[in-house]
Amino acid sequence: MKTFLLSSLFTFFVIIQIALSQSDSIWMKVYYPNTAIAAKFTNQDTQRIVVGIKGNSFNGDSGAVQLLDALTGNIIWQQLTRSTLAIDISNDSSLVATAHADTTIRIWDLNTGQLKKTYNRVLFDTLDEGLYAKFTSICFSNNGRYVYTAYNYYPSLYNFNKTNLFRIDLQNDSIIHKLTYDNQEIIKMSPTSDTLISTVGRYSYPAIAKINPNTLQLDTILYVGQGGLLTDIAISPNGNYIATSSENGTVKIWNMSDLSLSKTFSTNEESVYYGNITFSNNNLYLILAKRGRSINDWVSYIIKIDNDSIVYEYNYSASDDIEISTDDQYIVFSDEFVKLYYSRNISGAYREQQYDEINSILYPNPTTGFLNFEFDKFTNNSIKIVIYSEDGKFIDKIYEGRFLSENFNIKWNTSHLDKGIYFIVAKGKNYSQTYKLVKE
């Protein structure tokens, strides 16, 4: 259900927020023709999401970094930038690191959006010129002192891409550099030890590598035996496993300690590849994006690791990035959209019976004066009701508080509203409903 246009920030950058009607979906923002390259929950709570916006091909200046309220999708703060290519959040949720198309690394205060540091091209004095040169990945060390980033380029049209790895010391601003193997586009830090894991290798010989975080030397390389390029890697929250997804339609799980193969997962479908992947925080599930021949085949799965079963499927959610909240309650997908969903069938998280079964009526609609809300069987006794204009501007808070009985009625005077279309959003702990109102 499309609800309203939130804002038009500047040319080529329009955000639309959509309230979704399916029981497992909460909201969606459309950034087209831009792309949300990543949307990450803050590490200390599930209430905020950091989004990196990549500018479209028509306007490289149309990037941004945003902090969103996770449960509403509303923007808390926003900083306009050149195209954002990669983001990460420090473990204590105090800093955001971003990599940009103008060859800068920027460090932001997560709570305020203040720019704290910028590392520009001059500081990366060993960058090689080449085709399609860009930063492709960024991550913090576990203590938040260091930022690691991968810079990839093609020396010429017919060469494989090369990678420069950098480590930035945020305390003294020193930078160390290592020219490494082909195609180290993805780097990630183990959450339990200072071990960097990266993709390595060419199309026919994809591999993963352990990297010494102090020297950026490659300690161990493992050829994973998955045809095509590796599309993503994920490290389990307990630090015991690495998952790799590939263009050949397989996912493999490896033991972190010795890089031995633990298991392989595939749906045995033709002409599909698996993209982004992440572990649930209880280490029991994988969330995996699959792309097929058509958009109808673009889905994301929740897979139970111990028996390889698909326990839930999200349609049209094959994403450039997938993240799950620290309490396993919510999943956020990002590409040209940012979509927030309840996580389904993950132990300790969402349960079907958590939804309140509510009968609600809004009348008369259209209206010229008073508007009535009737709620029946509302087991959650707290609710907030707000109204927005058709273009997404906040108009008024209609009600916020506890219901006095199971069956509750609210009467609200609309005489101060101009004629037109409005959207009313009612939210409780386990309830969300959007109404279209016509004022005559």
Protein backbone atom coordinates (compact mmCIF):
# COMPACT_ATOMS: atom_id res chain seq x y z
CA MET A 1 0.00 0.00 0.00
CA LYS A 2 1.63 3.25 -1.09
CA THR A 3 1.19 5.92 1.50
CA PHE A 4 3.14 9.07 0.93
CA LEU A 5 6.05 10.95 -0.56
CA LEU A 6 8.35 11.86 2.31
CA SER A 7 10.69 14.35 0.70
CA SER A 8 12.43 15.42 -2.47
CA LEU A 9 15.92 16.35 -1.31
CA PHE A 10 17.37 17.49 -4.62
CA THR A 11 17.48 16.45 -8.26
CA PHE A 12 17.58 12.66 -8.69
CA PHE A 13 17.19 11.97 -4.97
CA VAL A 14 13.60 11.26 -4.00
CA ILE A 15 12.61 9.19 -0.97
CA ILE A 16 9.23 7.51 -0.84
CA GLN A 17 8.07 5.68 2.26
CA ILE A 18 5.60 2.86 1.78
CA ALA A 19 3.66 1.13 4.52
CA LEU A 20 3.47 -2.53 3.57
CA SER A 21 0.38 -4.58 4.25
CA GLN A 22 1.89 -8.07 4.61
CA SER A 23 2.01 -9.30 8.19
CA ASP A 24 5.81 -9.65 8.20
CA SER A 25 6.64 -6.24 6.71
CA ILE A 26 6.83 -2.89 8.46
CA TRP A 27 7.93 -0.18 6.04
CA MET A 28 9.85 0.44 2.84
CA LYS A 29 11.75 3.45 1.49
CA VAL A 30 12.33 3.83 -2.24
CA TYR A 31 15.58 5.57 -3.24
CA TYR A 32 15.32 4.98 -6.99
CA PRO A 33 17.21 5.85 -9.16
CA ASN A 34 19.79 5.89 -6.36
CA THR A 35 20.79 2.73 -4.50
CA ALA A 36 21.01 2.08 -0.77
CA ILE A 37 24.27 0.14 -0.78
CA ALA A 38 23.95 -0.88 2.87
CA ALA A 39 21.60 -0.51 5.81
CA LYS A 40 23.01 -1.56 9.17
CA PHE A 41 21.44 -1.75 12.60
CA THR A 42 23.36 -0.01 15.36
CA ASN A 43 25.12 -2.56 17.54
CA GLN A 44 23.78 -1.44 20.91
CA ASP A 45 20.06 -1.43 20.14
CA THR A 46 17.48 -2.24 17.46
CA GLN A 47 16.06 1.28 17.31
CA ARG A 48 18.32 2.84 14.67
CA ILE A 49 19.60 1.98 11.19
CA VAL A 50 22.49 3.62 9.33
CA VAL A 51 22.01 3.79 5.54
CA GLY A 52 24.60 4.57 2.87
CA ILE A 53 23.21 5.99 -0.39
CA LYS A 54 25.06 5.52 -3.67
CA GLY A 55 24.41 8.23 -6.26
CA ASN A 56 22.95 7.29 -9.62
CA SER A 57 24.86 7.41 -12.88
CA PHE A 58 23.36 10.78 -13.83
CA ASN A 59 24.51 12.62 -10.75
CA GLY A 60 27.50 11.40 -8.73
CA ASP A 61 26.83 14.03 -6.08
CA SER A 62 23.53 12.45 -5.05
CA GLY A 63 24.90 10.25 -2.26
CA ALA A 64 24.11 10.50 1.42
CA VAL A 65 24.59 8.96 4.84
CA GLN A 66 21.45 8.65 6.94
CA LEU A 67 20.44 7.55 10.43
CA LEU A 68 16.89 6.19 10.48
CA ASP A 69 14.46 5.38 13.25
CA ALA A 70 14.17 1.63 12.72
CA LEU A 71 10.51 1.25 13.63
CA THR A 72 9.18 4.17 11.58
CA GLY A 73 11.75 4.69 8.82
CA ASN A 74 11.92 8.39 9.67
CA ILE A 75 15.24 10.18 9.14
CA ILE A 76 16.97 11.20 12.38
CA TRP A 77 19.88 12.88 10.61
CA GLN A 78 21.25 13.02 7.10
CA GLN A 79 24.52 14.17 5.55
CA LEU A 80 24.77 14.68 1.78
CA THR A 81 27.96 13.33 0.19
CA ARG A 82 29.41 12.04 -3.03
CA SER A 83 28.28 8.48 -3.76
CA THR A 84 28.62 6.29 -0.68
CA LEU A 85 30.22 2.95 -1.57
CA ALA A 86 30.59 1.18 1.79
CA ILE A 87 29.70 1.73 5.46
CA ASP A 88 30.37 0.16 8.85
CA ILE A 89 29.51 0.93 12.49
CA SER A 90 31.89 0.63 15.44
CA ASN A 91 31.04 -2.02 18.03
CA ASP A 92 30.09 0.60 20.61
CA SER A 93 27.81 2.36 18.08
CA SER A 94 29.60 5.68 18.54
CA LEU A 95 31.12 6.01 15.04
CA VAL A 96 30.18 5.39 11.41
CA ALA A 97 32.88 4.86 8.76
CA THR A 98 32.00 5.50 5.11
CA ALA A 99 33.88 5.16 1.82
CA HIS A 100 32.99 7.45 -1.09
CA ALA A 101 33.41 7.80 -4.84
CA ASP A 102 35.62 10.88 -4.43
CA THR A 103 38.27 8.58 -2.84
CA THR A 104 37.62 9.73 0.70
CA ILE A 105 37.04 7.83 3.92
CA ARG A 106 34.85 9.73 6.38
CA ILE A 107 34.21 9.13 10.07
CA TRP A 108 30.93 10.35 11.55
CA ASP A 109 29.53 10.68 15.05
CA LEU A 110 26.63 8.22 14.94
CA ASN A 111 24.45 10.04 17.45
CA THR A 112 24.75 13.55 15.99
CA GLY A 113 25.81 13.05 12.35
CA GLN A 114 28.80 15.35 12.89
CA LEU A 115 31.74 14.72 10.55
CA LYS A 116 34.73 13.95 12.77
CA LYS A 117 37.49 13.03 10.30
CA THR A 118 38.11 12.92 6.55
CA TYR A 119 40.91 10.95 4.92
CA ASN A 120 41.29 12.14 1.34
CA ARG A 121 43.11 10.91 -1.74
CA VAL A 122 46.37 12.68 -0.85
CA LEU A 123 46.72 10.54 2.29
CA PHE A 124 46.31 7.34 0.27
CA ASP A 125 49.49 8.13 -1.64
CA THR A 126 49.97 4.63 -3.02
CA LEU A 127 46.64 4.38 -4.82
CA ASP A 128 47.04 2.96 -8.32
CA GLU A 129 45.22 4.52 -11.23
CA GLY A 130 43.13 2.21 -13.35
CA LEU A 131 39.70 1.49 -14.73
CA TYR A 132 36.73 1.43 -12.36
CA ALA A 133 38.93 2.31 -9.37
CA LYS A 134 36.91 2.55 -6.15
CA PHE A 135 36.65 1.57 -2.51
CA THR A 136 34.60 -1.63 -2.22
CA SER A 137 34.52 -2.51 1.48
CA ILE A 138 35.16 -1.02 4.93
CA CYS A 139 35.15 -2.34 8.50
CA PHE A 140 36.17 -1.35 12.04
CA SER A 141 38.49 -3.27 14.32
CA ASN A 142 36.70 -4.66 17.37
CA ASN A 143 38.14 -1.98 19.66
CA GLY A 144 37.13 0.81 17.25
CA ARG A 145 40.66 2.20 16.88
CA TYR A 146 41.30 1.04 13.31
CA VAL A 147 39.37 1.19 10.07
CA TYR A 148 40.20 -1.25 7.27
CA THR A 149 39.24 -0.64 3.67
CA ALA A 150 39.69 -2.36 0.29
CA TYR A 151 40.38 -0.32 -2.85
CA ASN A 152 39.95 -2.18 -6.17
CA TYR A 153 40.96 -1.20 -9.70
CA TYR A 154 41.61 -2.70 -13.14
CA PRO A 155 45.11 -1.89 -14.48
CA SER A 156 43.70 -2.16 -18.02
CA LEU A 157 40.61 -3.36 -19.79
CA TYR A 158 41.83 -6.95 -20.08
CA ASN A 159 43.36 -7.38 -16.64
CA PHE A 160 41.77 -8.78 -13.50
CA ASN A 161 41.09 -6.28 -10.76
CA LYS A 162 43.81 -5.63 -8.18
CA THR A 163 43.32 -4.68 -4.55
CA ASN A 164 44.97 -2.26 -2.17
CA LEU A 165 44.25 -2.84 1.51
CA PHE A 166 44.57 0.04 3.97
CA ARG A 167 44.50 0.28 7.75
CA ILE A 168 43.72 3.71 9.21
CA ASP A 169 44.63 4.44 12.83
CA LEU A 170 41.93 6.81 14.11
CA GLN A 171 44.05 7.86 17.09
CA ASN A 172 47.11 9.14 15.22
CA ASP A 173 45.75 9.19 11.63
CA SER A 174 48.55 6.96 10.33
CA ILE A 175 47.82 4.72 7.35
CA ILE A 176 49.50 1.47 6.40
CA HIS A 177 49.06 -0.08 2.97
CA LYS A 178 49.46 -3.43 1.26
CA LEU A 179 49.06 -4.30 -2.41
CA THR A 180 47.49 -7.72 -2.31
CA TYR A 181 45.90 -10.40 -4.45
CA ASP A 182 43.24 -10.14 -7.12
CA ASN A 183 39.64 -9.38 -6.28
CA GLN A 184 39.72 -8.74 -2.52
CA GLU A 185 36.54 -6.71 -2.84
CA ILE A 186 34.97 -7.87 0.43
CA ILE A 187 36.68 -7.65 3.83
CA LYS A 188 35.04 -8.39 7.18
CA MET A 189 36.26 -8.49 10.77
CA SER A 190 35.57 -11.44 13.05
CA PRO A 191 33.37 -10.24 15.94
CA THR A 192 35.31 -12.27 18.51
CA SER A 193 38.95 -11.84 17.41
CA ASP A 194 40.98 -9.39 15.36
CA THR A 195 40.96 -11.60 12.28
CA LEU A 196 40.20 -10.12 8.88
CA ILE A 197 38.50 -12.34 6.32
CA SER A 198 38.39 -11.40 2.64
CA THR A 199 37.43 -12.72 -0.75
CA VAL A 200 40.40 -13.53 -3.01
CA GLY A 201 40.96 -14.88 -6.48
CA ARG A 202 39.78 -14.80 -10.02
CA TYR A 203 36.55 -16.07 -11.56
CA SER A 204 37.76 -19.67 -11.95
CA TYR A 205 39.57 -19.85 -8.61
CA PRO A 206 37.55 -18.05 -5.93
CA ALA A 207 39.02 -18.18 -2.43
CA ILE A 208 38.78 -16.74 1.05
CA ALA A 209 41.76 -15.53 3.05
CA LYS A 210 42.68 -14.80 6.64
CA ILE A 211 44.58 -11.51 6.93
CA ASN A 212 46.84 -10.32 9.72
CA PRO A 213 45.19 -7.06 10.88
CA ASN A 214 48.48 -5.51 11.99
CA THR A 215 50.55 -6.12 8.84
CA LEU A 216 47.81 -6.78 6.25
CA GLN A 217 49.76 -9.89 5.22
CA LEU A 218 47.74 -12.89 4.01
CA ASP A 219 48.09 -15.65 6.60
CA THR A 220 45.96 -18.38 4.98
CA ILE A 221 44.26 -18.81 1.61
CA LEU A 222 41.55 -21.40 0.92
CA TYR A 223 40.21 -22.11 -2.58
CA VAL A 224 36.55 -22.72 -1.93
CA GLY A 225 35.61 -24.71 -5.02
CA GLN A 226 32.61 -22.56 -5.88
CA GLY A 227 32.39 -21.66 -9.56
CA GLY A 228 32.13 -18.00 -10.44
CA LEU A 229 32.99 -15.15 -8.14
CA LEU A 230 32.16 -15.12 -4.46
CA THR A 231 29.33 -12.64 -3.96
CA ASP A 232 29.51 -12.28 -0.17
CA ILE A 233 31.03 -13.62 3.03
CA ALA A 234 29.55 -13.64 6.53
CA ILE A 235 31.06 -14.48 9.91
CA SER A 236 28.90 -16.01 12.63
CA PRO A 237 28.46 -13.85 15.77
CA ASN A 238 30.24 -16.48 17.88
CA GLY A 239 33.22 -16.29 15.51
CA ASN A 240 33.21 -20.02 14.79
CA TYR A 241 32.05 -20.10 11.16
CA ILE A 242 32.42 -18.33 7.81
CA ALA A 243 29.69 -18.53 5.16
CA THR A 244 30.43 -17.88 1.47
CA SER A 245 27.85 -17.35 -1.27
CA SER A 246 28.63 -17.66 -4.96
CA GLU A 247 27.46 -16.99 -8.48
CA ASN A 248 27.18 -20.76 -9.00
CA GLY A 249 24.16 -21.03 -6.69
CA THR A 250 25.82 -22.56 -3.63
CA VAL A 251 26.47 -21.49 -0.05
CA LYS A 252 29.29 -23.07 1.92
CA ILE A 253 29.99 -22.87 5.65
CA TRP A 254 33.58 -23.16 6.87
CA ASN A 255 35.13 -23.63 10.29
CA MET A 256 36.97 -20.45 11.25
CA SER A 257 39.73 -22.29 13.14
CA ASP A 258 41.16 -24.33 10.23
CA LEU A 259 38.97 -23.26 7.25
CA SER A 260 37.69 -26.82 6.87
CA LEU A 261 34.34 -27.27 5.12
CA SER A 262 31.39 -27.75 7.46
CA LYS A 263 28.52 -27.99 4.95
CA THR A 264 27.18 -26.92 1.55
CA PHE A 265 23.71 -25.58 0.80
CA SER A 266 22.01 -25.33 -2.61
CA THR A 267 18.44 -25.28 -3.88
CA ASN A 268 19.62 -26.98 -7.12
CA GLU A 269 17.89 -24.40 -9.29
CA GLU A 270 19.20 -23.47 -12.72
CA SER A 271 20.33 -19.94 -13.63
CA VAL A 272 20.36 -18.57 -10.10
CA TYR A 273 23.09 -17.14 -7.95
CA TYR A 274 23.21 -16.34 -4.27
CA GLY A 275 24.11 -12.83 -3.23
CA ASN A 276 24.28 -11.26 0.20
CA ILE A 277 24.24 -13.43 3.27
CA THR A 278 24.23 -12.99 7.05
CA PHE A 279 23.97 -15.12 10.20
CA SER A 280 21.29 -14.66 12.82
CA ASN A 281 22.68 -13.51 16.16
CA ASN A 282 21.79 -16.83 17.80
CA ASN A 283 24.09 -18.52 15.20
CA LEU A 284 21.34 -20.96 14.15
CA TYR A 285 20.11 -19.44 10.88
CA LEU A 286 21.35 -17.90 7.63
CA ILE A 287 19.50 -15.14 5.79
CA LEU A 288 20.33 -15.39 2.10
CA ALA A 289 19.41 -13.41 -1.04
CA LYS A 290 18.81 -15.32 -4.28
CA ARG A 291 18.58 -13.82 -7.76
CA GLY A 292 17.01 -15.73 -10.65
CA ARG A 293 16.13 -15.19 -14.28
CA SER A 294 13.33 -12.72 -13.55
CA ILE A 295 12.31 -10.47 -10.70
CA ASN A 296 9.75 -13.12 -9.71
CA ASP A 297 12.72 -15.33 -8.80
CA TRP A 298 14.34 -12.68 -6.58
CA VAL A 299 13.73 -13.93 -3.07
CA SER A 300 15.48 -14.14 0.28
CA TYR A 301 15.48 -17.22 2.46
CA ILE A 302 15.83 -17.90 6.16
CA ILE A 303 17.69 -21.21 6.35
CA LYS A 304 18.03 -23.35 9.47
CA ILE A 305 21.67 -24.38 9.45
CA ASP A 306 21.49 -27.72 11.25
CA ASN A 307 19.09 -29.33 8.76
CA ASP A 308 19.41 -27.05 5.67
CA SER A 309 15.67 -26.34 5.70
CA ILE A 310 14.18 -23.14 4.32
CA VAL A 311 11.96 -21.97 7.17
CA TYR A 312 10.75 -18.74 5.55
CA GLU A 313 10.85 -16.92 2.23
CA TYR A 314 10.59 -13.20 1.47
CA ASN A 315 9.46 -12.50 -2.10
CA TYR A 316 11.10 -9.77 -4.22
CA SER A 317 13.79 -9.21 -1.61
CA ALA A 318 17.02 -10.21 -3.34
CA SER A 319 19.13 -7.46 -1.91
CA ASP A 320 22.49 -5.70 -2.15
CA ASP A 321 22.77 -5.93 1.64
CA ILE A 322 21.02 -7.90 4.39
CA GLU A 323 21.31 -7.15 8.09
CA ILE A 324 19.54 -8.54 11.15
CA SER A 325 19.00 -6.71 14.42
CA THR A 326 20.95 -7.73 17.51
CA ASP A 327 17.84 -9.28 19.09
CA ASP A 328 16.97 -11.21 15.87
CA GLN A 329 13.59 -9.45 15.72
CA TYR A 330 14.01 -7.52 12.46
CA ILE A 331 15.67 -7.93 9.06
CA VAL A 332 16.53 -4.99 6.81
CA PHE A 333 17.11 -5.41 3.07
CA SER A 334 18.67 -2.68 0.92
CA ASP A 335 19.17 -2.04 -2.81
CA GLU A 336 17.05 0.55 -4.61
CA PHE A 337 14.83 0.14 -1.58
CA VAL A 338 15.35 -0.14 2.15
CA LYS A 339 12.81 -2.58 3.55
CA LEU A 340 12.29 -3.55 7.18
CA TYR A 341 10.64 -6.87 8.02
CA TYR A 342 9.88 -8.92 11.06
CA SER A 343 12.18 -11.93 11.09
CA ARG A 344 10.21 -15.12 10.73
CA ASN A 345 10.77 -18.44 12.49
CA ILE A 346 14.09 -17.46 14.09
CA SER A 347 14.33 -18.89 17.58
CA GLY A 348 13.77 -16.30 20.29
CA ALA A 349 12.54 -13.71 17.81
CA TYR A 350 9.27 -13.17 15.96
CA ARG A 351 6.30 -15.42 16.66
CA GLU A 352 3.07 -15.41 14.69
CA GLN A 353 0.93 -15.16 17.83
CA GLN A 354 2.63 -11.92 18.86
CA TYR A 355 0.32 -10.00 16.53
CA ASP A 356 -2.74 -8.46 18.10
CA GLU A 357 -5.91 -9.43 16.30
CA ILE A 358 -7.67 -6.10 16.05
CA ASN A 359 -10.82 -4.97 14.29
CA SER A 360 -10.56 -1.26 13.55
CA ILE A 361 -12.96 1.11 11.84
CA LEU A 362 -12.47 4.72 10.75
CA TYR A 363 -15.63 6.65 9.79
CA PRO A 364 -17.06 8.69 8.20
CA ASN A 365 -14.59 8.66 5.31
CA PRO A 366 -14.76 11.02 3.44
CA THR A 367 -15.43 13.38 6.32
CA THR A 368 -16.28 17.04 6.77
CA GLY A 369 -16.06 17.27 10.56
CA PHE A 370 -15.58 14.73 13.33
CA LEU A 371 -13.78 11.46 12.64
CA ASN A 372 -14.39 8.29 14.66
CA PHE A 373 -11.92 5.47 15.36
CA GLU A 374 -13.26 2.24 16.80
CA PHE A 375 -10.88 -0.49 18.00
CA ASP A 376 -12.14 -3.92 19.01
CA LYS A 377 -10.18 -6.64 20.87
CA PHE A 378 -7.12 -4.47 21.35
CA THR A 379 -5.06 -6.62 23.74
CA ASN A 380 -2.10 -4.23 23.70
CA ASN A 381 -3.34 -1.26 25.69
CA SER A 382 -1.01 1.42 24.32
CA ILE A 383 -1.20 3.09 20.91
CA LYS A 384 -0.07 6.18 19.02
CA ILE A 385 -2.08 7.68 16.15
CA VAL A 386 -0.66 10.42 13.90
CA ILE A 387 -1.79 12.06 10.66
CA TYR A 388 0.31 13.08 7.64
CA SER A 389 -0.48 15.14 4.56
CA GLU A 390 -0.43 13.51 1.13
CA ASP A 391 3.17 14.70 0.58
CA GLY A 392 4.33 13.13 3.85
CA LYS A 393 4.40 16.16 6.16
CA PHE A 394 3.48 15.57 9.79
CA ILE A 395 0.18 17.31 10.61
CA ASP A 396 -0.89 16.32 14.10
CA LYS A 397 -0.81 13.66 16.79
CA ILE A 398 -4.37 12.42 17.17
CA TYR A 399 -3.88 10.20 20.20
CA GLU A 400 -1.11 8.66 22.28
CA GLY A 401 -1.71 6.66 25.40
CA ARG A 402 -3.37 3.63 26.92
CA PHE A 403 -6.75 2.25 25.99
CA LEU A 404 -9.25 2.40 28.80
CA SER A 405 -11.05 -0.77 27.76
CA GLU A 406 -10.81 -3.63 25.27
CA ASN A 407 -13.27 -1.86 22.96
CA PHE A 408 -12.24 1.76 22.59
CA ASN A 409 -13.51 4.75 20.60
CA ILE A 410 -11.69 7.95 19.70
CA LYS A 411 -13.41 11.01 18.24
CA TRP A 412 -11.26 13.65 16.52
CA ASN A 413 -12.23 17.01 14.99
CA THR A 414 -10.92 17.51 11.43
CA SER A 415 -12.33 21.01 10.95
CA HIS A 416 -8.83 22.57 10.89
CA LEU A 417 -7.73 20.39 7.97
CA ASP A 418 -7.82 21.66 4.40
CA LYS A 419 -9.67 19.64 1.80
CA GLY A 420 -7.56 16.83 0.39
CA ILE A 421 -6.04 13.42 1.03
CA TYR A 422 -4.31 12.47 4.30
CA PHE A 423 -2.78 9.34 5.77
CA ILE A 424 -3.32 8.24 9.35
CA VAL A 425 -0.90 5.80 10.97
CA ALA A 426 -1.84 3.87 14.12
CA LYS A 427 0.95 1.94 15.87
CA GLY A 428 1.11 -0.26 18.94
CA LYS A 429 3.77 -2.67 20.14
CA ASN A 430 2.57 -5.47 17.86
CA TYR A 431 0.20 -3.53 15.63
CA SER A 432 0.51 -1.15 12.72
CA GLN A 433 -2.20 0.14 10.41
CA THR A 434 -2.33 2.92 7.81
CA TYR A 435 -5.59 4.57 6.75
CA LYS A 436 -6.27 6.83 3.77
CA LEU A 437 -8.54 9.75 4.76
CA VAL A 438 -10.37 12.09 2.40
CA LYS A 439 -11.34 15.52 3.85
CA GLU A 440 -14.16 17.25 1.98
